[in-house]
Amino acid sequence: MTFNEYLNLEIDDSLQIFEYYLKYLEELSSKNFPFDEQLKLKGAGGKFINSIDKTTYINQEVQSEYLKLIDELQLELRKYRRR
């Protein structure tokens, strides 16, 4: 499945969303965090958290905290790339 196909999955298709997201994170780390894959992190994480929210209720604070963690990870990856 391509990243665009992932983004276009119905939010109710949580199994495919979860599987793709976990595979994406695994590949991101195993390939030493390539820049082009880092660009997808926010979109992939947003789709994942929205799918969880559709499956079971997650309050806004938890969603915001998760998205904040994604932003922090992206910042750290930028620093990592510079080294």
Protein backbone atom coordinates (compact mmCIF):
# COMPACT_ATOMS: atom_id res chain seq x y z
CA MET A 1 0.00 0.00 0.00
CA THR A 2 1.30 3.45 -0.85
CA PHE A 3 1.27 6.36 1.57
CA ASN A 4 -1.48 8.08 -0.46
CA GLU A 5 -3.61 4.95 -0.31
CA TYR A 6 -3.06 4.87 3.44
CA LEU A 7 -4.19 8.48 3.81
CA ASN A 8 -7.30 7.74 1.73
CA LEU A 9 -8.35 4.69 3.76
CA GLU A 10 -11.70 5.00 5.47
CA ILE A 11 -11.16 5.97 9.10
CA ASP A 12 -13.21 2.91 10.12
CA ASP A 13 -10.62 0.57 8.60
CA SER A 14 -8.60 0.60 11.80
CA LEU A 15 -6.87 -2.75 11.29
CA GLN A 16 -5.25 -1.67 8.02
CA ILE A 17 -4.43 1.76 9.46
CA PHE A 18 -2.77 0.25 12.54
CA GLU A 19 -0.81 -2.30 10.49
CA TYR A 20 0.41 0.31 8.01
CA TYR A 21 1.39 2.78 10.74
CA LEU A 22 3.37 0.20 12.70
CA LYS A 23 5.10 -0.99 9.53
CA TYR A 24 5.85 2.62 8.59
CA LEU A 25 7.44 3.33 12.01
CA GLU A 26 9.46 0.12 11.83
CA GLU A 27 10.78 0.96 8.36
CA LEU A 28 11.47 4.56 9.35
CA SER A 29 13.75 3.48 12.18
CA SER A 30 15.36 0.54 10.37
CA LYS A 31 16.34 2.76 7.42
CA ASN A 32 17.98 5.29 9.76
CA PHE A 33 15.20 7.88 9.47
CA PRO A 34 15.45 9.04 5.83
CA PHE A 35 14.30 12.62 5.34
CA ASP A 36 11.63 11.82 2.73
CA GLU A 37 10.03 9.33 5.11
CA GLN A 38 10.21 11.80 8.02
CA LEU A 39 8.00 14.17 6.03
CA LYS A 40 5.19 11.61 6.23
CA LEU A 41 5.33 11.27 10.01
CA LYS A 42 2.76 13.93 10.91
CA GLY A 43 0.23 12.72 8.33
CA ALA A 44 0.69 9.08 9.26
CA GLY A 45 0.40 9.83 12.98
CA GLY A 46 -2.67 12.00 12.46
CA LYS A 47 -4.43 9.26 10.51
CA PHE A 48 -3.52 6.76 13.23
CA ILE A 49 -4.82 8.89 16.11
CA ASN A 50 -8.03 9.70 14.21
CA SER A 51 -8.63 6.00 13.65
CA ILE A 52 -8.15 5.28 17.35
CA ASP A 53 -10.56 8.08 18.19
CA LYS A 54 -13.13 6.57 15.83
CA THR A 55 -12.70 3.13 17.42
CA THR A 56 -12.71 4.27 21.03
CA TYR A 57 -13.02 7.67 22.62
CA ILE A 58 -9.79 9.56 23.24
CA ASN A 59 -10.07 12.95 24.87
CA GLN A 60 -8.64 16.02 23.16
CA GLU A 61 -5.82 16.33 25.68
CA VAL A 62 -4.47 12.87 24.85
CA GLN A 63 -4.76 13.52 21.11
CA SER A 64 -2.95 16.84 21.46
CA GLU A 65 -0.21 15.26 23.55
CA TYR A 66 0.33 12.54 20.93
CA LEU A 67 0.59 15.09 18.13
CA LYS A 68 2.96 17.15 20.28
CA LEU A 69 5.16 14.07 20.70
CA ILE A 70 5.24 13.65 16.93
CA ASP A 71 6.36 17.28 16.56
CA GLU A 72 9.08 16.73 19.17
CA LEU A 73 10.24 13.58 17.37
CA GLN A 74 10.47 15.48 14.10
CA LEU A 75 12.53 18.19 15.79
CA GLU A 76 14.91 15.62 17.25
CA LEU A 77 15.24 13.90 13.87
CA ARG A 78 16.23 17.23 12.31
CA LYS A 79 18.95 17.58 14.93
CA TYR A 80 20.02 13.99 14.31
CA ARG A 81 20.30 14.64 10.55
CA ARG A 82 22.57 17.64 11.15
CA ARG A 83 25.03 15.49 13.06
